[in-house]
Amino acid sequence: MIKIEAIVREEKLEDIKEALSKVGVNGVTVSQVMGCGKQKGYKELVRGTEVNITMLPKIKFEIIVSSEEWEEKTIRAIQEAAYTGKPGDGKIFSYDLRNVLRVRTKETGTIAIN
């Protein structure tokens, strides 16, 4: 099993949800997060004073998939839907997951995510 985390622009939320749905990814957790990358935020004028805004609002997707095939399809869908070509498009991480437990039924492993 593999966990995929994607941190992307807020405005790409609906595009990514639609792309994931098209490839058959159903179980998704979405969170609002703050962060910064290379661009280090931006400057904004607040009450006549220039202020550095270093933490930018982002959306974080968390998805568990059962195989490397699903990992590739999921990452490709997110990457294509999140892409603008500008700094701040985000990052996608994937890593091995040791186990999953469905609380209600006590099922574990890939059965718990299907």
PDB file of N, CA and C in Angstrom:
ATOM      1  N   MET A   1       0.846  -1.173   0.000  1.00  0.00           N
ATOM      2  CA  MET A   1       0.000   0.000   0.000  1.00  0.00           C
ATOM      3  C   MET A   1       0.888   1.230   0.000  1.00  0.00           C
ATOM      4  N   ILE A   2       0.382   2.299  -0.600  1.00  0.00           N
ATOM      5  CA  ILE A   2       1.159   3.518  -0.776  1.00  0.00           C
ATOM      6  C   ILE A   2       0.298   4.710  -0.385  1.00  0.00           C
ATOM      7  N   LYS A   3       0.894   5.637   0.359  1.00  0.00           N
ATOM      8  CA  LYS A   3       0.209   6.883   0.699  1.00  0.00           C
ATOM      9  C   LYS A   3       0.759   7.984  -0.190  1.00  0.00           C
ATOM     10  N   ILE A   4      -0.151   8.741  -0.775  1.00  0.00           N
ATOM     11  CA  ILE A   4       0.207   9.869  -1.633  1.00  0.00           C
ATOM     12  C   ILE A   4      -0.300  11.132  -0.954  1.00  0.00           C
ATOM     13  N   GLU A   5       0.583  12.114  -0.821  1.00  0.00           N
ATOM     14  CA  GLU A   5       0.209  13.420  -0.301  1.00  0.00           C
ATOM     15  C   GLU A   5       0.556  14.448  -1.361  1.00  0.00           C
ATOM     16  N   ALA A   6      -0.393  15.311  -1.645  1.00  0.00           N
ATOM     17  CA  ALA A   6      -0.166  16.377  -2.611  1.00  0.00           C
ATOM     18  C   ALA A   6      -0.543  17.697  -1.960  1.00  0.00           C
ATOM     19  N   ILE A   7       0.361  18.665  -2.039  1.00  0.00           N
ATOM     20  CA  ILE A   7       0.104  20.008  -1.524  1.00  0.00           C
ATOM     21  C   ILE A   7       0.091  20.929  -2.731  1.00  0.00           C
ATOM     22  N   VAL A   8      -1.071  21.537  -2.981  1.00  0.00           N
ATOM     23  CA  VAL A   8      -1.288  22.273  -4.233  1.00  0.00           C
ATOM     24  C   VAL A   8      -1.995  23.600  -3.977  1.00  0.00           C
ATOM     25  N   ARG A   9      -2.113  24.386  -5.047  1.00  0.00           N
ATOM     26  CA  ARG A   9      -2.826  25.665  -4.984  1.00  0.00           C
ATOM     27  C   ARG A   9      -4.288  25.448  -4.613  1.00  0.00           C
ATOM     28  N   GLU A  10      -4.830  26.374  -3.820  1.00  0.00           N
ATOM     29  CA  GLU A  10      -6.234  26.288  -3.403  1.00  0.00           C
ATOM     30  C   GLU A  10      -7.193  26.247  -4.594  1.00  0.00           C
ATOM     31  N   GLU A  11      -6.905  27.043  -5.599  1.00  0.00           N
ATOM     32  CA  GLU A  11      -7.836  27.146  -6.735  1.00  0.00           C
ATOM     33  C   GLU A  11      -7.892  25.882  -7.593  1.00  0.00           C
ATOM     34  N   LYS A  12      -7.006  24.930  -7.340  1.00  0.00           N
ATOM     35  CA  LYS A  12      -6.984  23.686  -8.104  1.00  0.00           C
ATOM     36  C   LYS A  12      -7.789  22.563  -7.446  1.00  0.00           C
ATOM     37  N   LEU A  13      -8.430  22.837  -6.318  1.00  0.00           N
ATOM     38  CA  LEU A  13      -9.177  21.820  -5.576  1.00  0.00           C
ATOM     39  C   LEU A  13     -10.169  21.070  -6.455  1.00  0.00           C
ATOM     40  N   GLU A  14     -11.077  21.770  -7.091  1.00  0.00           N
ATOM     41  CA  GLU A  14     -12.120  21.123  -7.888  1.00  0.00           C
ATOM     42  C   GLU A  14     -11.546  20.394  -9.099  1.00  0.00           C
ATOM     43  N   ASP A  15     -10.532  20.982  -9.744  1.00  0.00           N
ATOM     44  CA  ASP A  15      -9.899  20.327 -10.898  1.00  0.00           C
ATOM     45  C   ASP A  15      -9.283  18.988 -10.500  1.00  0.00           C
ATOM     46  N   ILE A  16      -8.620  18.964  -9.344  1.00  0.00           N
ATOM     47  CA  ILE A  16      -7.970  17.733  -8.898  1.00  0.00           C
ATOM     48  C   ILE A  16      -9.006  16.703  -8.468  1.00  0.00           C
ATOM     49  N   LYS A  17     -10.036  17.129  -7.748  1.00  0.00           N
ATOM     50  CA  LYS A  17     -11.096  16.186  -7.357  1.00  0.00           C
ATOM     51  C   LYS A  17     -11.719  15.549  -8.593  1.00  0.00           C
ATOM     52  N   GLU A  18     -11.966  16.328  -9.627  1.00  0.00           N
ATOM     53  CA  GLU A  18     -12.555  15.805 -10.864  1.00  0.00           C
ATOM     54  C   GLU A  18     -11.589  14.835 -11.558  1.00  0.00           C
ATOM     55  N   ALA A  19     -10.306  15.189 -11.605  1.00  0.00           N
ATOM     56  CA  ALA A  19      -9.306  14.325 -12.245  1.00  0.00           C
ATOM     57  C   ALA A  19      -9.188  12.994 -11.515  1.00  0.00           C
ATOM     58  N   LEU A  20      -9.202  13.028 -10.185  1.00  0.00           N
ATOM     59  CA  LEU A  20      -9.119  11.792  -9.402  1.00  0.00           C
ATOM     60  C   LEU A  20     -10.357  10.927  -9.620  1.00  0.00           C
ATOM     61  N   SER A  21     -11.501  11.550  -9.683  1.00  0.00           N
ATOM     62  CA  SER A  21     -12.743  10.819  -9.924  1.00  0.00           C
ATOM     63  C   SER A  21     -12.717  10.130 -11.293  1.00  0.00           C
ATOM     64  N   LYS A  22     -12.185  10.812 -12.295  1.00  0.00           N
ATOM     65  CA  LYS A  22     -12.120  10.251 -13.654  1.00  0.00           C
ATOM     66  C   LYS A  22     -11.257   8.992 -13.726  1.00  0.00           C
ATOM     67  N   VAL A  23     -10.184   8.929 -12.911  1.00  0.00           N
ATOM     68  CA  VAL A  23      -9.325   7.743 -12.957  1.00  0.00           C
ATOM     69  C   VAL A  23      -9.766   6.675 -11.962  1.00  0.00           C
ATOM     70  N   GLY A  24     -10.824   6.954 -11.191  1.00  0.00           N
ATOM     71  CA  GLY A  24     -11.386   5.941 -10.297  1.00  0.00           C
ATOM     72  C   GLY A  24     -10.883   5.981  -8.871  1.00  0.00           C
ATOM     73  N   VAL A  25     -10.256   7.089  -8.468  1.00  0.00           N
ATOM     74  CA  VAL A  25      -9.810   7.233  -7.083  1.00  0.00           C
ATOM     75  C   VAL A  25     -10.975   7.787  -6.278  1.00  0.00           C
ATOM     76  N   ASN A  26     -11.402   7.047  -5.252  1.00  0.00           N
ATOM     77  CA  ASN A  26     -12.573   7.446  -4.481  1.00  0.00           C
ATOM     78  C   ASN A  26     -12.248   7.952  -3.090  1.00  0.00           C
ATOM     79  N   GLY A  27     -11.372   7.314  -2.374  1.00  0.00           N
ATOM     80  CA  GLY A  27     -11.069   7.687  -0.993  1.00  0.00           C
ATOM     81  C   GLY A  27     -10.027   8.781  -0.931  1.00  0.00           C
ATOM     82  N   VAL A  28     -10.443   9.982  -0.555  1.00  0.00           N
ATOM     83  CA  VAL A  28      -9.550  11.136  -0.519  1.00  0.00           C
ATOM     84  C   VAL A  28      -9.821  11.935   0.748  1.00  0.00           C
ATOM     85  N   THR A  29      -8.769  12.379   1.407  1.00  0.00           N
ATOM     86  CA  THR A  29      -8.891  13.321   2.520  1.00  0.00           C
ATOM     87  C   THR A  29      -8.296  14.638   2.057  1.00  0.00           C
ATOM     88  N   VAL A  30      -9.006  15.739   2.306  1.00  0.00           N
ATOM     89  CA  VAL A  30      -8.554  17.064   1.880  1.00  0.00           C
ATOM     90  C   VAL A  30      -8.499  17.973   3.101  1.00  0.00           C
ATOM     91  N   SER A  31      -7.390  18.719   3.228  1.00  0.00           N
ATOM     92  CA  SER A  31      -7.208  19.658   4.339  1.00  0.00           C
ATOM     93  C   SER A  31      -6.730  21.002   3.812  1.00  0.00           C
ATOM     94  N   GLN A  32      -7.092  22.056   4.525  1.00  0.00           N
ATOM     95  CA  GLN A  32      -6.519  23.365   4.239  1.00  0.00           C
ATOM     96  C   GLN A  32      -5.256  23.488   5.078  1.00  0.00           C
ATOM     97  N   VAL A  33      -4.145  23.857   4.432  1.00  0.00           N
ATOM     98  CA  VAL A  33      -2.866  23.977   5.120  1.00  0.00           C
ATOM     99  C   VAL A  33      -2.205  25.293   4.726  1.00  0.00           C
ATOM    100  N   MET A  34      -1.127  25.634   5.422  1.00  0.00           N
ATOM    101  CA  MET A  34      -0.338  26.823   5.108  1.00  0.00           C
ATOM    102  C   MET A  34       1.101  26.378   4.906  1.00  0.00           C
ATOM    103  N   GLY A  35       1.814  27.041   4.012  1.00  0.00           N
ATOM    104  CA  GLY A  35       3.208  26.692   3.810  1.00  0.00           C
ATOM    105  C   GLY A  35       3.872  27.621   2.823  1.00  0.00           C
ATOM    106  N   CYS A  36       5.155  27.388   2.609  1.00  0.00           N
ATOM    107  CA  CYS A  36       5.877  28.163   1.606  1.00  0.00           C
ATOM    108  C   CYS A  36       6.975  27.300   1.017  1.00  0.00           C
ATOM    109  N   GLY A  37       7.349  27.640  -0.181  1.00  0.00           N
ATOM    110  CA  GLY A  37       8.417  26.941  -0.880  1.00  0.00           C
ATOM    111  C   GLY A  37       9.468  27.935  -1.313  1.00  0.00           C
ATOM    112  N   LYS A  38       9.993  27.747  -2.504  1.00  0.00           N
ATOM    113  CA  LYS A  38      11.047  28.617  -3.013  1.00  0.00           C
ATOM    114  C   LYS A  38      10.627  30.081  -3.117  1.00  0.00           C
ATOM    115  N   GLN A  39       9.356  30.307  -3.450  1.00  0.00           N
ATOM    116  CA  GLN A  39       8.926  31.686  -3.677  1.00  0.00           C
ATOM    117  C   GLN A  39       8.867  32.503  -2.395  1.00  0.00           C
ATOM    118  N   LYS A  40       8.850  31.846  -1.235  1.00  0.00           N
ATOM    119  CA  LYS A  40       8.873  32.510   0.071  1.00  0.00           C
ATOM    120  C   LYS A  40       7.746  33.522   0.249  1.00  0.00           C
ATOM    121  N   GLY A  41       6.626  33.292  -0.368  1.00  0.00           N
ATOM    122  CA  GLY A  41       5.464  34.156  -0.167  1.00  0.00           C
ATOM    123  C   GLY A  41       5.487  35.375  -1.067  1.00  0.00           C
ATOM    124  N   TYR A  42       4.909  36.472  -0.570  1.00  0.00           N
ATOM    125  CA  TYR A  42       4.818  37.697  -1.347  1.00  0.00           C
ATOM    126  C   TYR A  42       4.738  38.881  -0.397  1.00  0.00           C
ATOM    127  N   LYS A  43       4.843  40.094  -0.965  1.00  0.00           N
ATOM    128  CA  LYS A  43       4.731  41.317  -0.168  1.00  0.00           C
ATOM    129  C   LYS A  43       3.360  41.926  -0.408  1.00  0.00           C
ATOM    130  N   GLU A  44       2.765  42.442   0.669  1.00  0.00           N
ATOM    131  CA  GLU A  44       1.440  43.046   0.570  1.00  0.00           C
ATOM    132  C   GLU A  44       1.450  44.356   1.354  1.00  0.00           C
ATOM    133  N   LEU A  45       0.706  45.326   0.881  1.00  0.00           N
ATOM    134  CA  LEU A  45       0.588  46.609   1.560  1.00  0.00           C
ATOM    135  C   LEU A  45      -0.578  46.535   2.546  1.00  0.00           C
ATOM    136  N   VAL A  46      -0.279  46.662   3.838  1.00  0.00           N
ATOM    137  CA  VAL A  46      -1.291  46.611   4.882  1.00  0.00           C
ATOM    138  C   VAL A  46      -1.246  47.922   5.660  1.00  0.00           C
ATOM    139  N   ARG A  47      -2.320  48.710   5.568  1.00  0.00           N
ATOM    140  CA  ARG A  47      -2.402  50.008   6.259  1.00  0.00           C
ATOM    141  C   ARG A  47      -1.183  50.874   5.982  1.00  0.00           C
ATOM    142  N   GLY A  48      -0.753  50.884   4.719  1.00  0.00           N
ATOM    143  CA  GLY A  48       0.355  51.727   4.311  1.00  0.00           C
ATOM    144  C   GLY A  48       1.736  51.162   4.600  1.00  0.00           C
ATOM    145  N   THR A  49       1.808  49.976   5.155  1.00  0.00           N
ATOM    146  CA  THR A  49       3.089  49.356   5.472  1.00  0.00           C
ATOM    147  C   THR A  49       3.246  48.072   4.678  1.00  0.00           C
ATOM    148  N   GLU A  50       4.435  47.900   4.094  1.00  0.00           N
ATOM    149  CA  GLU A  50       4.707  46.678   3.342  1.00  0.00           C
ATOM    150  C   GLU A  50       4.962  45.528   4.310  1.00  0.00           C
ATOM    151  N   VAL A  51       4.225  44.420   4.118  1.00  0.00           N
ATOM    152  CA  VAL A  51       4.325  43.256   4.994  1.00  0.00           C
ATOM    153  C   VAL A  51       4.688  42.035   4.150  1.00  0.00           C
ATOM    154  N   ASN A  52       5.621  41.225   4.658  1.00  0.00           N
ATOM    155  CA  ASN A  52       5.963  39.967   3.989  1.00  0.00           C
ATOM    156  C   ASN A  52       4.976  38.892   4.422  1.00  0.00           C
ATOM    157  N   ILE A  53       4.277  38.304   3.466  1.00  0.00           N
ATOM    158  CA  ILE A  53       3.380  37.180   3.721  1.00  0.00           C
ATOM    159  C   ILE A  53       4.149  35.933   3.309  1.00  0.00           C
ATOM    160  N   THR A  54       4.653  35.192   4.304  1.00  0.00           N
ATOM    161  CA  THR A  54       5.527  34.055   3.974  1.00  0.00           C
ATOM    162  C   THR A  54       4.798  32.723   3.972  1.00  0.00           C
ATOM    163  N   MET A  55       3.682  32.627   4.653  1.00  0.00           N
ATOM    164  CA  MET A  55       2.933  31.372   4.677  1.00  0.00           C
ATOM    165  C   MET A  55       1.717  31.521   3.770  1.00  0.00           C
ATOM    166  N   LEU A  56       1.663  30.699   2.739  1.00  0.00           N
ATOM    167  CA  LEU A  56       0.590  30.782   1.754  1.00  0.00           C
ATOM    168  C   LEU A  56      -0.439  29.684   1.977  1.00  0.00           C
ATOM    169  N   PRO A  57      -1.717  29.977   1.735  1.00  0.00           N
ATOM    170  CA  PRO A  57      -2.741  28.944   1.867  1.00  0.00           C
ATOM    171  C   PRO A  57      -2.617  27.919   0.743  1.00  0.00           C
ATOM    172  N   LYS A  58      -2.703  26.655   1.105  1.00  0.00           N
ATOM    173  CA  LYS A  58      -2.618  25.544   0.150  1.00  0.00           C
ATOM    174  C   LYS A  58      -3.675  24.506   0.508  1.00  0.00           C
ATOM    175  N   ILE A  59      -3.845  23.538  -0.372  1.00  0.00           N
ATOM    176  CA  ILE A  59      -4.736  22.403  -0.131  1.00  0.00           C
ATOM    177  C   ILE A  59      -3.878  21.141  -0.121  1.00  0.00           C
ATOM    178  N   LYS A  60      -4.142  20.274   0.862  1.00  0.00           N
ATOM    179  CA  LYS A  60      -3.401  19.013   0.968  1.00  0.00           C
ATOM    180  C   LYS A  60      -4.358  17.850   0.730  1.00  0.00           C
ATOM    181  N   PHE A  61      -4.005  17.020  -0.243  1.00  0.00           N
ATOM    182  CA  PHE A  61      -4.736  15.789  -0.537  1.00  0.00           C
ATOM    183  C   PHE A  61      -3.967  14.630   0.079  1.00  0.00           C
ATOM    184  N   GLU A  62      -4.673  13.707   0.724  1.00  0.00           N
ATOM    185  CA  GLU A  62      -4.073  12.475   1.231  1.00  0.00           C
ATOM    186  C   GLU A  62      -4.870  11.311   0.660  1.00  0.00           C
ATOM    187  N   ILE A  63      -4.160  10.399   0.010  1.00  0.00           N
ATOM    188  CA  ILE A  63      -4.811   9.297  -0.705  1.00  0.00           C
ATOM    189  C   ILE A  63      -4.007   8.027  -0.444  1.00  0.00           C
ATOM    190  N   ILE A  64      -4.708   6.928  -0.149  1.00  0.00           N
ATOM    191  CA  ILE A  64      -4.063   5.624   0.015  1.00  0.00           C
ATOM    192  C   ILE A  64      -4.441   4.769  -1.191  1.00  0.00           C
ATOM    193  N   VAL A  65      -3.450   4.185  -1.839  1.00  0.00           N
ATOM    194  CA  VAL A  65      -3.700   3.305  -2.984  1.00  0.00           C
ATOM    195  C   VAL A  65      -3.074   1.942  -2.718  1.00  0.00           C
ATOM    196  N   SER A  66      -3.548   0.951  -3.462  1.00  0.00           N
ATOM    197  CA  SER A  66      -3.157  -0.428  -3.175  1.00  0.00           C
ATOM    198  C   SER A  66      -1.927  -0.917  -3.939  1.00  0.00           C
ATOM    199  N   SER A  67      -1.522  -0.209  -5.006  1.00  0.00           N
ATOM    200  CA  SER A  67      -0.417  -0.729  -5.824  1.00  0.00           C
ATOM    201  C   SER A  67       0.352   0.397  -6.494  1.00  0.00           C
ATOM    202  N   GLU A  68       1.503   0.030  -7.079  1.00  0.00           N
ATOM    203  CA  GLU A  68       2.308   1.006  -7.817  1.00  0.00           C
ATOM    204  C   GLU A  68       1.580   1.495  -9.063  1.00  0.00           C
ATOM    205  N   GLU A  69       0.771   0.633  -9.675  1.00  0.00           N
ATOM    206  CA  GLU A  69      -0.028   1.034 -10.836  1.00  0.00           C
ATOM    207  C   GLU A  69      -0.987   2.174 -10.449  1.00  0.00           C
ATOM    208  N   TRP A  70      -1.685   2.012  -9.319  1.00  0.00           N
ATOM    209  CA  TRP A  70      -2.595   3.059  -8.842  1.00  0.00           C
ATOM    210  C   TRP A  70      -1.825   4.301  -8.420  1.00  0.00           C
ATOM    211  N   GLU A  71      -0.642   4.114  -7.866  1.00  0.00           N
ATOM    212  CA  GLU A  71       0.199   5.256  -7.486  1.00  0.00           C
ATOM    213  C   GLU A  71       0.501   6.110  -8.721  1.00  0.00           C
ATOM    214  N   GLU A  72       0.934   5.461  -9.805  1.00  0.00           N
ATOM    215  CA  GLU A  72       1.275   6.183 -11.030  1.00  0.00           C
ATOM    216  C   GLU A  72       0.065   6.914 -11.609  1.00  0.00           C
ATOM    217  N   LYS A  73      -1.091   6.230 -11.669  1.00  0.00           N
ATOM    218  CA  LYS A  73      -2.305   6.864 -12.209  1.00  0.00           C
ATOM    219  C   LYS A  73      -2.731   8.060 -11.367  1.00  0.00           C
ATOM    220  N   THR A  74      -2.658   7.900 -10.062  1.00  0.00           N
ATOM    221  CA  THR A  74      -3.089   8.957  -9.146  1.00  0.00           C
ATOM    222  C   THR A  74      -2.166  10.169  -9.237  1.00  0.00           C
ATOM    223  N   ILE A  75      -0.873   9.927  -9.204  1.00  0.00           N
ATOM    224  CA  ILE A  75       0.092  11.026  -9.293  1.00  0.00           C
ATOM    225  C   ILE A  75      -0.027  11.744 -10.625  1.00  0.00           C
ATOM    226  N   ARG A  76      -0.182  11.003 -11.702  1.00  0.00           N
ATOM    227  CA  ARG A  76      -0.323  11.623 -13.027  1.00  0.00           C
ATOM    228  C   ARG A  76      -1.564  12.513 -13.069  1.00  0.00           C
ATOM    229  N   ALA A  77      -2.676  12.026 -12.531  1.00  0.00           N
ATOM    230  CA  ALA A  77      -3.922  12.809 -12.533  1.00  0.00           C
ATOM    231  C   ALA A  77      -3.760  14.096 -11.742  1.00  0.00           C
ATOM    232  N   ILE A  78      -3.140  14.012 -10.571  1.00  0.00           N
ATOM    233  CA  ILE A  78      -2.935  15.206  -9.746  1.00  0.00           C
ATOM    234  C   ILE A  78      -2.007  16.187 -10.454  1.00  0.00           C
ATOM    235  N   GLN A  79      -0.901  15.682 -10.971  1.00  0.00           N
ATOM    236  CA  GLN A  79       0.084  16.552 -11.622  1.00  0.00           C
ATOM    237  C   GLN A  79      -0.528  17.305 -12.801  1.00  0.00           C
ATOM    238  N   GLU A  80      -1.282  16.603 -13.623  1.00  0.00           N
ATOM    239  CA  GLU A  80      -1.880  17.259 -14.790  1.00  0.00           C
ATOM    240  C   GLU A  80      -2.933  18.288 -14.381  1.00  0.00           C
ATOM    241  N   ALA A  81      -3.718  17.984 -13.361  1.00  0.00           N
ATOM    242  CA  ALA A  81      -4.775  18.906 -12.926  1.00  0.00           C
ATOM    243  C   ALA A  81      -4.216  20.096 -12.146  1.00  0.00           C
ATOM    244  N   ALA A  82      -3.097  19.925 -11.443  1.00  0.00           N
ATOM    245  CA  ALA A  82      -2.540  20.985 -10.605  1.00  0.00           C
ATOM    246  C   ALA A  82      -1.618  21.932 -11.373  1.00  0.00           C
ATOM    247  N   TYR A  83      -1.177  21.552 -12.546  1.00  0.00           N
ATOM    248  CA  TYR A  83      -0.151  22.281 -13.284  1.00  0.00           C
ATOM    249  C   TYR A  83      -0.622  23.642 -13.792  1.00  0.00           C
ATOM    250  N   THR A  84       0.151  24.685 -13.479  1.00  0.00           N
ATOM    251  CA  THR A  84      -0.034  26.003 -14.101  1.00  0.00           C
ATOM    252  C   THR A  84       1.249  26.445 -14.788  1.00  0.00           C
ATOM    253  N   GLY A  85       2.376  25.849 -14.399  1.00  0.00           N
ATOM    254  CA  GLY A  85       3.667  26.240 -14.948  1.00  0.00           C
ATOM    255  C   GLY A  85       4.320  27.384 -14.192  1.00  0.00           C
ATOM    256  N   LYS A  86       3.690  27.842 -13.121  1.00  0.00           N
ATOM    257  CA  LYS A  86       4.211  28.956 -12.327  1.00  0.00           C
ATOM    258  C   LYS A  86       4.698  28.436 -10.975  1.00  0.00           C
ATOM    259  N   PRO A  87       5.620  29.175 -10.331  1.00  0.00           N
ATOM    260  CA  PRO A  87       6.048  28.768  -8.987  1.00  0.00           C
ATOM    261  C   PRO A  87       4.836  28.658  -8.055  1.00  0.00           C
ATOM    262  N   GLY A  88       4.871  27.657  -7.186  1.00  0.00           N
ATOM    263  CA  GLY A  88       3.775  27.475  -6.245  1.00  0.00           C
ATOM    264  C   GLY A  88       2.766  26.423  -6.664  1.00  0.00           C
ATOM    265  N   ASP A  89       3.041  25.697  -7.761  1.00  0.00           N
ATOM    266  CA  ASP A  89       2.125  24.645  -8.200  1.00  0.00           C
ATOM    267  C   ASP A  89       2.017  23.531  -7.170  1.00  0.00           C
ATOM    268  N   GLY A  90       3.052  23.323  -6.366  1.00  0.00           N
ATOM    269  CA  GLY A  90       2.955  22.358  -5.284  1.00  0.00           C
ATOM    270  C   GLY A  90       3.939  21.215  -5.380  1.00  0.00           C
ATOM    271  N   LYS A  91       3.714  20.235  -4.515  1.00  0.00           N
ATOM    272  CA  LYS A  91       4.559  19.045  -4.447  1.00  0.00           C
ATOM    273  C   LYS A  91       3.666  17.822  -4.246  1.00  0.00           C
ATOM    274  N   ILE A  92       4.156  16.675  -4.726  1.00  0.00           N
ATOM    275  CA  ILE A  92       3.480  15.395  -4.514  1.00  0.00           C
ATOM    276  C   ILE A  92       4.495  14.448  -3.890  1.00  0.00           C
ATOM    277  N   PHE A  93       4.096  13.815  -2.789  1.00  0.00           N
ATOM    278  CA  PHE A  93       4.950  12.866  -2.080  1.00  0.00           C
ATOM    279  C   PHE A  93       4.269  11.504  -2.088  1.00  0.00           C
ATOM    280  N   SER A  94       5.058  10.440  -2.162  1.00  0.00           N
ATOM    281  CA  SER A  94       4.484   9.098  -1.996  1.00  0.00           C
ATOM    282  C   SER A  94       5.454   8.267  -1.174  1.00  0.00           C
ATOM    283  N   TYR A  95       4.873   7.413  -0.344  1.00  0.00           N
ATOM    284  CA  TYR A  95       5.704   6.549   0.484  1.00  0.00           C
ATOM    285  C   TYR A  95       4.937   5.301   0.871  1.00  0.00           C
ATOM    286  N   ASP A  96       5.708   4.268   1.212  1.00  0.00           N
ATOM    287  CA  ASP A  96       5.103   2.990   1.594  1.00  0.00           C
ATOM    288  C   ASP A  96       4.345   3.125   2.909  1.00  0.00           C
ATOM    289  N   LEU A  97       3.238   2.410   2.971  1.00  0.00           N
ATOM    290  CA  LEU A  97       2.379   2.414   4.147  1.00  0.00           C
ATOM    291  C   LEU A  97       2.387   1.004   4.727  1.00  0.00           C
ATOM    292  N   ARG A  98       2.649   0.885   6.004  1.00  0.00           N
ATOM    293  CA  ARG A  98       2.758  -0.437   6.629  1.00  0.00           C
ATOM    294  C   ARG A  98       1.422  -1.131   6.781  1.00  0.00           C
ATOM    295  N   ASN A  99       0.390  -0.412   7.237  1.00  0.00           N
ATOM    296  CA  ASN A  99      -0.885  -1.072   7.460  1.00  0.00           C
ATOM    297  C   ASN A  99      -2.014  -0.053   7.493  1.00  0.00           C
ATOM    298  N   VAL A 100      -3.215  -0.550   7.295  1.00  0.00           N
ATOM    299  CA  VAL A 100      -4.437   0.244   7.389  1.00  0.00           C
ATOM    300  C   VAL A 100      -5.454  -0.601   8.149  1.00  0.00           C
ATOM    301  N   LEU A 101      -6.231   0.027   9.005  1.00  0.00           N
ATOM    302  CA  LEU A 101      -7.281  -0.677   9.733  1.00  0.00           C
ATOM    303  C   LEU A 101      -8.579   0.099   9.563  1.00  0.00           C
ATOM    304  N   ARG A 102      -9.619  -0.570   9.067  1.00  0.00           N
ATOM    305  CA  ARG A 102     -10.950   0.027   9.006  1.00  0.00           C
ATOM    306  C   ARG A 102     -11.581  -0.181  10.378  1.00  0.00           C
ATOM    307  N   VAL A 103     -11.841   0.904  11.076  1.00  0.00           N
ATOM    308  CA  VAL A 103     -12.286   0.848  12.463  1.00  0.00           C
ATOM    309  C   VAL A 103     -13.582   0.063  12.607  1.00  0.00           C
ATOM    310  N   ARG A 104     -14.570   0.330  11.766  1.00  0.00           N
ATOM    311  CA  ARG A 104     -15.889  -0.290  11.902  1.00  0.00           C
ATOM    312  C   ARG A 104     -15.845  -1.802  11.795  1.00  0.00           C
ATOM    313  N   THR A 105     -15.118  -2.321  10.787  1.00  0.00           N
ATOM    314  CA  THR A 105     -15.141  -3.765  10.523  1.00  0.00           C
ATOM    315  C   THR A 105     -13.893  -4.502  11.002  1.00  0.00           C
ATOM    316  N   LYS A 106     -12.885  -3.752  11.403  1.00  0.00           N
ATOM    317  CA  LYS A 106     -11.591  -4.300  11.824  1.00  0.00           C
ATOM    318  C   LYS A 106     -10.825  -4.955  10.671  1.00  0.00           C
ATOM    319  N   GLU A 107     -11.228  -4.685   9.421  1.00  0.00           N
ATOM    320  CA  GLU A 107     -10.485  -5.193   8.270  1.00  0.00           C
ATOM    321  C   GLU A 107      -9.151  -4.459   8.198  1.00  0.00           C
ATOM    322  N   THR A 108      -8.129  -5.160   7.704  1.00  0.00           N
ATOM    323  CA  THR A 108      -6.803  -4.560   7.582  1.00  0.00           C
ATOM    324  C   THR A 108      -6.264  -4.724   6.171  1.00  0.00           C
ATOM    325  N   GLY A 109      -5.178  -3.993   5.899  1.00  0.00           N
ATOM    326  CA  GLY A 109      -4.510  -4.098   4.605  1.00  0.00           C
ATOM    327  C   GLY A 109      -5.321  -3.521   3.466  1.00  0.00           C
ATOM    328  N   THR A 110      -5.098  -4.063   2.264  1.00  0.00           N
ATOM    329  CA  THR A 110      -5.756  -3.526   1.083  1.00  0.00           C
ATOM    330  C   THR A 110      -7.278  -3.702   1.138  1.00  0.00           C
ATOM    331  N   ILE A 111      -7.760  -4.695   1.859  1.00  0.00           N
ATOM    332  CA  ILE A 111      -9.214  -4.883   2.008  1.00  0.00           C
ATOM    333  C   ILE A 111      -9.827  -3.658   2.688  1.00  0.00           C
ATOM    334  N   ALA A 112      -9.108  -3.056   3.603  1.00  0.00           N
ATOM    335  CA  ALA A 112      -9.611  -1.896   4.350  1.00  0.00           C
ATOM    336  C   ALA A 112      -9.694  -0.633   3.509  1.00  0.00           C
ATOM    337  N   ILE A 113      -8.987  -0.582   2.393  1.00  0.00           N
ATOM    338  CA  ILE A 113      -9.040   0.633   1.566  1.00  0.00           C
ATOM    339  C   ILE A 113      -9.909   0.476   0.329  1.00  0.00           C
ATOM    340  N   ASN A 114     -10.404  -0.713   0.073  1.00  0.00           N
ATOM    341  CA  ASN A 114     -11.262  -0.937  -1.107  1.00  0.00           C
ATOM    342  C   ASN A 114     -12.715  -0.796  -0.759  1.00  0.00           C
TER     343      ASN A 114
END
